[in-house]
Structures are given as structure tokens and as C-alpha cells.
Amino acid sequence: MVRRLLAALLLFATPALAAPAAAPPKPVQVMIVGVFHMSNPGHDMHNLQVDDVLAPKRQAEIEAISKALGRFHPTAVAAEWDAPLVAERYPKYLAGTLGPSHNEVVQLGFRLAKASGARMIGVDADGDFPYPAVEAYAKAHGQAGLLAAADSDAVQSVQAEGRLLANSGISGLLRYLNDPQRLKGDNAFYRTMLKVGGGADQPGADLLTGWYRRNFLICAHLVQLAKPGDRVVVFFGSGHAFLLRQCVQETPGFALVEPNDYLPR
């Protein structure tokens, strides 16, 4: 009886062994690759004129880029088309029934997804860019010079991109577009627009709000479609890269990967 009582006391006095803590989920690793528009759609304020990316020389460059990014072993590839459009066109690409396309979503996104066996997702979102209101306010309030200076900087940037494309190829241009310091400078244009406005009339802030909203919607699609442990390559116009990188860096469970650690020199 005494022996059983002592055993019971020892049992209750011994702290229960704690169950091993579950390992935290692996972070979603995201590589934001800021790109240029290969099909010359002319939708931006200033547009880089791109030669035929279907030409053998450019195809060889794009294939080398795809192989280099493949070393990241992506499990998902995201691009600047919305989900329904990707769902319609990517199966045709896999089946070989999608017609020739100069678009970077096809040339970079579809190609990498197919080569790596990753799933292909569309994360684009519509958004307003009310620049005419900014122009009208600036002209009416003596700030036209501010916009002219920003416009001049943009023209020089596009010219520099053209020279890089001609002299260093597609990879050389992509490395330039994805340099963190250059991305920071590129984003300065939007912050400069905050100077345009006064009192209750704030067209510059409205422009920035619309721009941020679109990028947050894009990032929301990415966050919602990613799975724990995913390795995602995102191909998007380089103008979006600064904010998308920021969103990834500030979202718990996500980690940013530098594309220039993988892009060929």
C-alpha cells in the first residue's frame, strides 16, 4: 500500500514531458523579377522599343534566362495577366496550340513554368492611374516644371534601357531593372507626385493611392495563391517591382529572393 502511494505521488510530482513543438511552416520564398514589355504594347507613359524577341538571337537569350532562373527550383510562377487569362492560355501553351507570342508572360513566365513543372498563376489586377488630373493641377498652379523634370528623367531612363538591350542583351537589361538602388530611384517618381496638390485638392496623392491600391491587389493575389514552402518567381513590369518587393518583405511567412543572384551575366 505504501509502495503504491509513493509511486502515485512520484507520478504526479514528475512534470509531464512536453510534446515536441511543431516545426514552423517554411516561408514562401518569392523572387520578384521586374521585366520590360516585350511585345511593345505602348501602354506606359514612355515605352521601350523592343526588337523581335522571337528572333533566334533573342530566343537563345531568353532560354538562357529560363535555365538560370530554373536553378531556384520554382514551385509556382506568377505573371502580369489575371487568373482567367492564364487559365485560358497556359493549357494551350502546354499543348502547343497557343500561337506565337512576343508577350513576356509567355516568353518568360510560361516557358519557366513548363520547364520547371511549376504551376502557373495570374496575379494581375486592374487599377486607375489618374495622371491627367495631376497634369491639369500642375499646369494651373505653376508646377509644370516639376512634371517636365520627371518626364525628362523617364525619357533618359528609357533611352538607357534601350542601349542596354542593344549592347548587353535581355539578361543585361533585366539585371539593370532589378538592381535594388535603381528600383528605389524609380519609385521616387511616385513620391514626387505628392508635391502636386494643395488643401483638399490632392491629385498627386490620388495618383499614388491608385497606384498603391493596384499593387496591393496584385500582392494580395500572390499571398492568397501561395502555399507554405512555395518557391515563387513573379514576372511583372519593373515599375511594380519596388512595391511588390516591399509587400513580400513585410508579409509574415514570406521571404524575398534577389533575382540578380540568379540572372545570367
C-alpha atoms as a PDB file:
ATOM      1  CA  MET A   1       0.000   0.000   0.000  1.00  0.00           C
ATOM      2  CA  VAL A   2       2.772   2.416   0.978  1.00  0.00           C
ATOM      3  CA  ARG A   3       4.716   1.463  -2.141  1.00  0.00           C
ATOM      4  CA  ARG A   4       1.695   2.158  -4.356  1.00  0.00           C
ATOM      5  CA  LEU A   5       1.101   5.502  -2.630  1.00  0.00           C
ATOM      6  CA  LEU A   6       4.718   6.575  -3.164  1.00  0.00           C
ATOM      7  CA  ALA A   7       4.536   5.583  -6.827  1.00  0.00           C
ATOM      8  CA  ALA A   8       1.383   7.663  -7.260  1.00  0.00           C
ATOM      9  CA  LEU A   9       2.981  10.672  -5.578  1.00  0.00           C
ATOM     10  CA  LEU A  10       6.044  10.378  -7.805  1.00  0.00           C
ATOM     11  CA  LEU A  11       3.825  10.180 -10.884  1.00  0.00           C
ATOM     12  CA  PHE A  12       2.002  13.374 -10.042  1.00  0.00           C
ATOM     13  CA  ALA A  13       5.184  15.138  -8.913  1.00  0.00           C
ATOM     14  CA  THR A  14       7.005  14.409 -12.207  1.00  0.00           C
ATOM     15  CA  PRO A  15       6.226  17.119 -14.778  1.00  0.00           C
ATOM     16  CA  ALA A  16       4.679  15.798 -17.938  1.00  0.00           C
ATOM     17  CA  LEU A  17       7.055  15.600 -20.828  1.00  0.00           C
ATOM     18  CA  ALA A  18       6.225  18.443 -23.181  1.00  0.00           C
ATOM     19  CA  ALA A  19       5.191  17.389 -26.644  1.00  0.00           C
ATOM     20  CA  PRO A  20       7.770  18.445 -29.217  1.00  0.00           C
ATOM     21  CA  ALA A  21       6.851  21.795 -30.728  1.00  0.00           C
ATOM     22  CA  ALA A  22       5.651  21.607 -34.292  1.00  0.00           C
ATOM     23  CA  ALA A  23       8.167  22.979 -36.745  1.00  0.00           C
ATOM     24  CA  PRO A  24       7.103  26.360 -38.121  1.00  0.00           C
ATOM     25  CA  PRO A  25       5.998  26.259 -41.744  1.00  0.00           C
ATOM     26  CA  LYS A  26       8.681  27.025 -44.253  1.00  0.00           C
ATOM     27  CA  PRO A  27       8.480  30.594 -45.551  1.00  0.00           C
ATOM     28  CA  VAL A  28       7.203  31.238 -49.027  1.00  0.00           C
ATOM     29  CA  GLN A  29      10.262  32.344 -50.976  1.00  0.00           C
ATOM     30  CA  VAL A  30       9.397  34.917 -53.624  1.00  0.00           C
ATOM     31  CA  MET A  31      11.602  36.240 -56.403  1.00  0.00           C
ATOM     32  CA  ILE A  32      10.199  39.408 -57.977  1.00  0.00           C
ATOM     33  CA  VAL A  33      11.635  39.749 -61.483  1.00  0.00           C
ATOM     34  CA  GLY A  34      10.905  43.213 -62.852  1.00  0.00           C
ATOM     35  CA  VAL A  35      10.632  42.952 -66.624  1.00  0.00           C
ATOM     36  CA  PHE A  36      10.083  45.141 -69.682  1.00  0.00           C
ATOM     37  CA  HIS A  37       7.205  44.713 -72.113  1.00  0.00           C
ATOM     38  CA  MET A  38       8.499  42.571 -74.949  1.00  0.00           C
ATOM     39  CA  SER A  39       5.505  42.986 -77.255  1.00  0.00           C
ATOM     40  CA  ASN A  40       5.620  46.812 -77.477  1.00  0.00           C
ATOM     41  CA  PRO A  41       2.030  47.364 -76.255  1.00  0.00           C
ATOM     42  CA  GLY A  42       2.619  51.109 -75.791  1.00  0.00           C
ATOM     43  CA  HIS A  43       0.585  51.329 -72.584  1.00  0.00           C
ATOM     44  CA  ASP A  44       3.103  53.259 -70.487  1.00  0.00           C
ATOM     45  CA  MET A  45       3.862  56.978 -70.499  1.00  0.00           C
ATOM     46  CA  HIS A  46       7.245  56.216 -72.074  1.00  0.00           C
ATOM     47  CA  ASN A  47       7.809  52.944 -73.868  1.00  0.00           C
ATOM     48  CA  LEU A  48      10.935  50.993 -74.675  1.00  0.00           C
ATOM     49  CA  GLN A  49      11.020  49.904 -78.299  1.00  0.00           C
ATOM     50  CA  VAL A  50      11.930  46.224 -78.344  1.00  0.00           C
ATOM     51  CA  ASP A  51      13.179  44.316 -81.357  1.00  0.00           C
ATOM     52  CA  ASP A  52      11.691  40.936 -82.306  1.00  0.00           C
ATOM     53  CA  VAL A  53      12.105  38.619 -79.301  1.00  0.00           C
ATOM     54  CA  LEU A  54      11.086  35.684 -81.500  1.00  0.00           C
ATOM     55  CA  ALA A  55      14.305  36.091 -83.491  1.00  0.00           C
ATOM     56  CA  PRO A  56      16.837  33.285 -82.877  1.00  0.00           C
ATOM     57  CA  LYS A  57      19.296  35.525 -81.017  1.00  0.00           C
ATOM     58  CA  ARG A  58      16.680  36.731 -78.529  1.00  0.00           C
ATOM     59  CA  GLN A  59      15.197  33.253 -78.132  1.00  0.00           C
ATOM     60  CA  ALA A  60      18.627  31.941 -77.148  1.00  0.00           C
ATOM     61  CA  GLU A  61      18.953  34.731 -74.578  1.00  0.00           C
ATOM     62  CA  ILE A  62      15.506  34.022 -73.128  1.00  0.00           C
ATOM     63  CA  GLU A  63      16.241  30.301 -72.938  1.00  0.00           C
ATOM     64  CA  ALA A  64      19.454  31.029 -71.017  1.00  0.00           C
ATOM     65  CA  ILE A  65      17.498  33.219 -68.597  1.00  0.00           C
ATOM     66  CA  SER A  66      14.911  30.486 -68.075  1.00  0.00           C
ATOM     67  CA  LYS A  67      17.591  27.904 -67.331  1.00  0.00           C
ATOM     68  CA  ALA A  68      19.334  30.248 -64.902  1.00  0.00           C
ATOM     69  CA  LEU A  69      16.111  31.017 -63.006  1.00  0.00           C
ATOM     70  CA  GLY A  70      15.350  27.297 -63.016  1.00  0.00           C
ATOM     71  CA  ARG A  71      18.192  26.893 -60.509  1.00  0.00           C
ATOM     72  CA  PHE A  72      15.824  28.482 -57.995  1.00  0.00           C
ATOM     73  CA  HIS A  73      13.602  25.391 -58.437  1.00  0.00           C
ATOM     74  CA  PRO A  74      10.305  27.304 -58.501  1.00  0.00           C
ATOM     75  CA  THR A  75       7.110  25.562 -57.483  1.00  0.00           C
ATOM     76  CA  ALA A  76       4.950  28.387 -58.853  1.00  0.00           C
ATOM     77  CA  VAL A  77       5.352  31.100 -61.467  1.00  0.00           C
ATOM     78  CA  ALA A  78       3.210  34.246 -61.345  1.00  0.00           C
ATOM     79  CA  ALA A  79       2.841  36.868 -64.055  1.00  0.00           C
ATOM     80  CA  GLU A  80       1.139  40.070 -65.190  1.00  0.00           C
ATOM     81  CA  TRP A  81      -2.040  38.536 -66.535  1.00  0.00           C
ATOM     82  CA  ASP A  82      -5.151  37.942 -64.500  1.00  0.00           C
ATOM     83  CA  ALA A  83      -6.068  34.447 -63.369  1.00  0.00           C
ATOM     84  CA  PRO A  84      -8.785  33.760 -66.014  1.00  0.00           C
ATOM     85  CA  LEU A  85      -6.466  34.704 -68.878  1.00  0.00           C
ATOM     86  CA  VAL A  86      -3.688  32.466 -67.575  1.00  0.00           C
ATOM     87  CA  ALA A  87      -6.162  29.636 -67.059  1.00  0.00           C
ATOM     88  CA  GLU A  88      -7.265  30.001 -70.676  1.00  0.00           C
ATOM     89  CA  ARG A  89      -3.884  30.348 -72.372  1.00  0.00           C
ATOM     90  CA  TYR A  90      -1.408  28.293 -70.349  1.00  0.00           C
ATOM     91  CA  PRO A  91      -3.039  24.914 -71.171  1.00  0.00           C
ATOM     92  CA  LYS A  92      -2.860  25.880 -74.856  1.00  0.00           C
ATOM     93  CA  TYR A  93       0.821  26.695 -74.430  1.00  0.00           C
ATOM     94  CA  LEU A  94       1.452  23.293 -72.859  1.00  0.00           C
ATOM     95  CA  ALA A  95      -0.485  21.620 -75.662  1.00  0.00           C
ATOM     96  CA  GLY A  96       1.417  23.547 -78.326  1.00  0.00           C
ATOM     97  CA  THR A  97      -1.745  25.182 -79.670  1.00  0.00           C
ATOM     98  CA  LEU A  98      -1.087  28.739 -78.463  1.00  0.00           C
ATOM     99  CA  GLY A  99       0.013  30.915 -81.361  1.00  0.00           C
ATOM    100  CA  PRO A 100       3.382  32.704 -81.379  1.00  0.00           C
ATOM    101  CA  SER A 101       3.524  35.465 -78.793  1.00  0.00           C
ATOM    102  CA  HIS A 102       6.039  38.202 -78.068  1.00  0.00           C
ATOM    103  CA  ASN A 103       4.492  38.828 -74.656  1.00  0.00           C
ATOM    104  CA  GLU A 104       6.815  38.442 -71.675  1.00  0.00           C
ATOM    105  CA  VAL A 105       4.213  36.393 -69.802  1.00  0.00           C
ATOM    106  CA  VAL A 106       4.563  33.713 -72.456  1.00  0.00           C
ATOM    107  CA  GLN A 107       8.250  34.160 -73.211  1.00  0.00           C
ATOM    108  CA  LEU A 108       9.392  34.195 -69.582  1.00  0.00           C
ATOM    109  CA  GLY A 109       6.517  33.013 -67.406  1.00  0.00           C
ATOM    110  CA  PHE A 110       5.028  30.167 -69.409  1.00  0.00           C
ATOM    111  CA  ARG A 111       8.471  28.989 -70.500  1.00  0.00           C
ATOM    112  CA  LEU A 112       9.827  28.787 -66.944  1.00  0.00           C
ATOM    113  CA  ALA A 113       6.680  27.163 -65.547  1.00  0.00           C
ATOM    114  CA  LYS A 114       6.755  24.455 -68.210  1.00  0.00           C
ATOM    115  CA  ALA A 115      10.483  23.806 -67.849  1.00  0.00           C
ATOM    116  CA  SER A 116      10.340  23.585 -64.049  1.00  0.00           C
ATOM    117  CA  GLY A 117       6.997  21.812 -63.704  1.00  0.00           C
ATOM    118  CA  ALA A 118       5.733  24.702 -61.585  1.00  0.00           C
ATOM    119  CA  ARG A 119       2.106  25.723 -61.521  1.00  0.00           C
ATOM    120  CA  MET A 120       1.325  28.899 -63.447  1.00  0.00           C
ATOM    121  CA  ILE A 121      -0.775  31.604 -61.783  1.00  0.00           C
ATOM    122  CA  GLY A 122      -2.077  35.001 -62.865  1.00  0.00           C
ATOM    123  CA  VAL A 123      -1.929  37.743 -60.225  1.00  0.00           C
ATOM    124  CA  ASP A 124      -2.660  40.962 -62.117  1.00  0.00           C
ATOM    125  CA  ALA A 125      -5.362  43.428 -61.048  1.00  0.00           C
ATOM    126  CA  ASP A 126      -6.930  46.446 -62.698  1.00  0.00           C
ATOM    127  CA  GLY A 127      -6.345  49.894 -61.290  1.00  0.00           C
ATOM    128  CA  ASP A 128      -6.811  53.575 -62.021  1.00  0.00           C
ATOM    129  CA  PHE A 129      -3.895  55.867 -62.878  1.00  0.00           C
ATOM    130  CA  PRO A 130      -5.424  59.376 -62.848  1.00  0.00           C
ATOM    131  CA  TYR A 131      -2.451  61.235 -64.309  1.00  0.00           C
ATOM    132  CA  PRO A 132      -4.491  63.782 -66.359  1.00  0.00           C
ATOM    133  CA  ALA A 133      -5.734  65.335 -63.116  1.00  0.00           C
ATOM    134  CA  VAL A 134      -2.129  65.684 -61.942  1.00  0.00           C
ATOM    135  CA  GLU A 135      -1.165  67.391 -65.209  1.00  0.00           C
ATOM    136  CA  ALA A 136      -4.132  69.773 -65.066  1.00  0.00           C
ATOM    137  CA  TYR A 137      -3.423  70.838 -61.478  1.00  0.00           C
ATOM    138  CA  ALA A 138       0.308  71.263 -62.120  1.00  0.00           C
ATOM    139  CA  LYS A 139      -0.288  73.465 -65.169  1.00  0.00           C
ATOM    140  CA  ALA A 140      -2.816  75.579 -63.305  1.00  0.00           C
ATOM    141  CA  HIS A 141      -0.609  76.069 -60.231  1.00  0.00           C
ATOM    142  CA  GLY A 142       2.838  76.714 -61.669  1.00  0.00           C
ATOM    143  CA  GLN A 143       4.138  73.176 -61.209  1.00  0.00           C
ATOM    144  CA  ALA A 144       4.520  72.234 -64.854  1.00  0.00           C
ATOM    145  CA  GLY A 145       8.310  72.298 -64.421  1.00  0.00           C
ATOM    146  CA  LEU A 146       8.085  69.568 -61.800  1.00  0.00           C
ATOM    147  CA  LEU A 147       6.345  67.256 -64.228  1.00  0.00           C
ATOM    148  CA  ALA A 148       8.683  68.230 -67.055  1.00  0.00           C
ATOM    149  CA  ALA A 149      11.694  67.265 -64.935  1.00  0.00           C
ATOM    150  CA  ALA A 150      10.123  63.926 -64.028  1.00  0.00           C
ATOM    151  CA  ASP A 151       9.258  63.357 -67.668  1.00  0.00           C
ATOM    152  CA  SER A 152      12.829  64.115 -68.730  1.00  0.00           C
ATOM    153  CA  ASP A 153      14.174  61.616 -66.206  1.00  0.00           C
ATOM    154  CA  ALA A 154      11.791  58.979 -67.549  1.00  0.00           C
ATOM    155  CA  VAL A 155      12.877  59.605 -71.143  1.00  0.00           C
ATOM    156  CA  GLN A 156      16.546  59.281 -70.192  1.00  0.00           C
ATOM    157  CA  SER A 157      15.809  56.066 -68.316  1.00  0.00           C
ATOM    158  CA  VAL A 158      14.067  54.519 -71.323  1.00  0.00           C
ATOM    159  CA  GLN A 159      16.963  55.550 -73.540  1.00  0.00           C
ATOM    160  CA  ALA A 160      19.416  53.899 -71.141  1.00  0.00           C
ATOM    161  CA  GLU A 161      17.320  50.735 -71.204  1.00  0.00           C
ATOM    162  CA  GLY A 162      17.403  50.729 -74.995  1.00  0.00           C
ATOM    163  CA  ARG A 163      21.181  50.955 -75.014  1.00  0.00           C
ATOM    164  CA  LEU A 164      21.467  48.132 -72.500  1.00  0.00           C
ATOM    165  CA  LEU A 165      19.164  45.911 -74.523  1.00  0.00           C
ATOM    166  CA  ALA A 166      21.222  46.548 -77.644  1.00  0.00           C
ATOM    167  CA  ASN A 167      24.619  46.107 -76.001  1.00  0.00           C
ATOM    168  CA  SER A 168      24.067  43.686 -73.091  1.00  0.00           C
ATOM    169  CA  GLY A 169      21.073  41.683 -74.240  1.00  0.00           C
ATOM    170  CA  ILE A 170      17.895  40.797 -72.378  1.00  0.00           C
ATOM    171  CA  SER A 171      19.665  39.489 -69.294  1.00  0.00           C
ATOM    172  CA  GLY A 172      21.807  42.620 -69.022  1.00  0.00           C
ATOM    173  CA  LEU A 173      18.696  44.777 -69.131  1.00  0.00           C
ATOM    174  CA  LEU A 174      16.885  42.616 -66.573  1.00  0.00           C
ATOM    175  CA  ARG A 175      19.828  42.831 -64.182  1.00  0.00           C
ATOM    176  CA  TYR A 176      19.719  46.616 -64.510  1.00  0.00           C
ATOM    177  CA  LEU A 177      15.964  46.768 -63.993  1.00  0.00           C
ATOM    178  CA  ASN A 178      16.209  44.653 -60.825  1.00  0.00           C
ATOM    179  CA  ASP A 179      19.047  46.478 -59.121  1.00  0.00           C
ATOM    180  CA  PRO A 180      17.617  47.494 -55.697  1.00  0.00           C
ATOM    181  CA  GLN A 181      19.074  51.002 -55.845  1.00  0.00           C
ATOM    182  CA  ARG A 182      17.654  51.607 -59.305  1.00  0.00           C
ATOM    183  CA  LEU A 183      14.260  50.369 -58.147  1.00  0.00           C
ATOM    184  CA  LYS A 184      14.350  52.822 -55.263  1.00  0.00           C
ATOM    185  CA  GLY A 185      15.095  55.671 -57.654  1.00  0.00           C
ATOM    186  CA  ASP A 186      12.337  54.519 -59.994  1.00  0.00           C
ATOM    187  CA  ASN A 187       9.804  54.671 -57.170  1.00  0.00           C
ATOM    188  CA  ALA A 188      10.849  58.261 -56.415  1.00  0.00           C
ATOM    189  CA  PHE A 189       8.685  59.431 -59.349  1.00  0.00           C
ATOM    190  CA  TYR A 190       5.511  58.438 -57.500  1.00  0.00           C
ATOM    191  CA  ARG A 191       6.632  60.099 -54.284  1.00  0.00           C
ATOM    192  CA  THR A 192       7.444  63.276 -56.190  1.00  0.00           C
ATOM    193  CA  MET A 193       3.827  63.402 -57.305  1.00  0.00           C
ATOM    194  CA  LEU A 194       2.850  64.130 -53.675  1.00  0.00           C
ATOM    195  CA  LYS A 195       4.055  67.682 -54.278  1.00  0.00           C
ATOM    196  CA  VAL A 196       1.226  68.243 -56.747  1.00  0.00           C
ATOM    197  CA  GLY A 197      -1.786  69.443 -54.819  1.00  0.00           C
ATOM    198  CA  GLY A 198      -2.937  71.734 -52.070  1.00  0.00           C
ATOM    199  CA  GLY A 199      -5.604  71.804 -49.391  1.00  0.00           C
ATOM    200  CA  ALA A 200      -8.470  69.475 -50.195  1.00  0.00           C
ATOM    201  CA  ASP A 201      -7.411  69.127 -53.829  1.00  0.00           C
ATOM    202  CA  GLN A 202      -4.732  66.410 -53.904  1.00  0.00           C
ATOM    203  CA  PRO A 203      -4.408  64.846 -57.372  1.00  0.00           C
ATOM    204  CA  GLY A 204      -0.845  63.709 -56.659  1.00  0.00           C
ATOM    205  CA  ALA A 205      -1.939  61.819 -53.564  1.00  0.00           C
ATOM    206  CA  ASP A 206      -4.876  60.386 -55.520  1.00  0.00           C
ATOM    207  CA  LEU A 207      -2.473  59.123 -58.164  1.00  0.00           C
ATOM    208  CA  LEU A 208      -0.284  57.487 -55.531  1.00  0.00           C
ATOM    209  CA  THR A 209      -3.313  55.975 -53.821  1.00  0.00           C
ATOM    210  CA  GLY A 210      -4.498  54.369 -57.057  1.00  0.00           C
ATOM    211  CA  TRP A 211      -1.002  53.072 -57.821  1.00  0.00           C
ATOM    212  CA  TYR A 212      -0.563  51.604 -54.339  1.00  0.00           C
ATOM    213  CA  ARG A 213      -4.030  50.063 -54.439  1.00  0.00           C
ATOM    214  CA  ARG A 214      -3.295  48.187 -57.660  1.00  0.00           C
ATOM    215  CA  ASN A 215      -0.005  46.877 -56.298  1.00  0.00           C
ATOM    216  CA  PHE A 216      -1.615  45.809 -53.036  1.00  0.00           C
ATOM    217  CA  LEU A 217      -4.260  43.913 -55.007  1.00  0.00           C
ATOM    218  CA  ILE A 218      -1.524  42.183 -57.007  1.00  0.00           C
ATOM    219  CA  CYS A 219       0.325  41.268 -53.838  1.00  0.00           C
ATOM    220  CA  ALA A 220      -2.918  40.079 -52.234  1.00  0.00           C
ATOM    221  CA  HIS A 221      -3.464  37.679 -55.129  1.00  0.00           C
ATOM    222  CA  LEU A 222       0.083  36.410 -54.694  1.00  0.00           C
ATOM    223  CA  VAL A 223      -0.264  35.933 -50.934  1.00  0.00           C
ATOM    224  CA  GLN A 224      -3.620  34.182 -51.300  1.00  0.00           C
ATOM    225  CA  LEU A 225      -2.449  31.781 -54.020  1.00  0.00           C
ATOM    226  CA  ALA A 226       0.908  30.878 -52.481  1.00  0.00           C
ATOM    227  CA  LYS A 227       1.246  27.731 -50.390  1.00  0.00           C
ATOM    228  CA  PRO A 228       3.550  27.177 -47.383  1.00  0.00           C
ATOM    229  CA  GLY A 229       7.008  26.271 -48.603  1.00  0.00           C
ATOM    230  CA  ASP A 230       6.391  27.564 -52.138  1.00  0.00           C
ATOM    231  CA  ARG A 231       9.204  29.000 -54.205  1.00  0.00           C
ATOM    232  CA  VAL A 232       7.581  31.580 -56.456  1.00  0.00           C
ATOM    233  CA  VAL A 233       9.028  33.520 -59.371  1.00  0.00           C
ATOM    234  CA  VAL A 234       6.966  36.596 -60.212  1.00  0.00           C
ATOM    235  CA  PHE A 235       7.381  38.277 -63.612  1.00  0.00           C
ATOM    236  CA  PHE A 236       5.933  41.781 -63.567  1.00  0.00           C
ATOM    237  CA  GLY A 237       6.569  45.162 -65.160  1.00  0.00           C
ATOM    238  CA  SER A 238       9.598  46.668 -63.435  1.00  0.00           C
ATOM    239  CA  GLY A 239       7.625  49.726 -62.364  1.00  0.00           C
ATOM    240  CA  HIS A 240       5.754  47.487 -59.939  1.00  0.00           C
ATOM    241  CA  ALA A 241       8.828  45.754 -58.544  1.00  0.00           C
ATOM    242  CA  PHE A 242       9.614  48.199 -55.717  1.00  0.00           C
ATOM    243  CA  LEU A 243       6.189  47.938 -54.105  1.00  0.00           C
ATOM    244  CA  LEU A 244       5.834  44.194 -54.709  1.00  0.00           C
ATOM    245  CA  ARG A 245       9.231  43.607 -53.110  1.00  0.00           C
ATOM    246  CA  GLN A 246       8.207  45.746 -50.156  1.00  0.00           C
ATOM    247  CA  CYS A 247       4.956  43.829 -49.774  1.00  0.00           C
ATOM    248  CA  VAL A 248       6.758  40.475 -49.781  1.00  0.00           C
ATOM    249  CA  GLN A 249       9.356  41.671 -47.283  1.00  0.00           C
ATOM    250  CA  GLU A 250       6.712  42.958 -44.880  1.00  0.00           C
ATOM    251  CA  THR A 251       4.336  39.976 -45.074  1.00  0.00           C
ATOM    252  CA  PRO A 252       4.816  37.362 -42.311  1.00  0.00           C
ATOM    253  CA  GLY A 253       5.708  33.944 -43.680  1.00  0.00           C
ATOM    254  CA  PHE A 254       7.218  35.367 -46.886  1.00  0.00           C
ATOM    255  CA  ALA A 255      10.868  35.926 -47.790  1.00  0.00           C
ATOM    256  CA  LEU A 256      12.302  37.929 -50.679  1.00  0.00           C
ATOM    257  CA  VAL A 257      14.854  36.378 -53.038  1.00  0.00           C
ATOM    258  CA  GLU A 258      17.061  38.583 -55.218  1.00  0.00           C
ATOM    259  CA  PRO A 259      16.715  37.826 -58.957  1.00  0.00           C
ATOM    260  CA  ASN A 260      20.194  39.150 -59.679  1.00  0.00           C
ATOM    261  CA  ASP A 261      21.576  36.225 -57.667  1.00  0.00           C
ATOM    262  CA  TYR A 262      20.253  34.004 -60.467  1.00  0.00           C
ATOM    263  CA  LEU A 263      20.041  36.024 -63.684  1.00  0.00           C
ATOM    264  CA  PRO A 264      22.965  35.288 -66.023  1.00  0.00           C
ATOM    265  CA  ARG A 265      25.607  37.962 -66.549  1.00  0.00           C
END
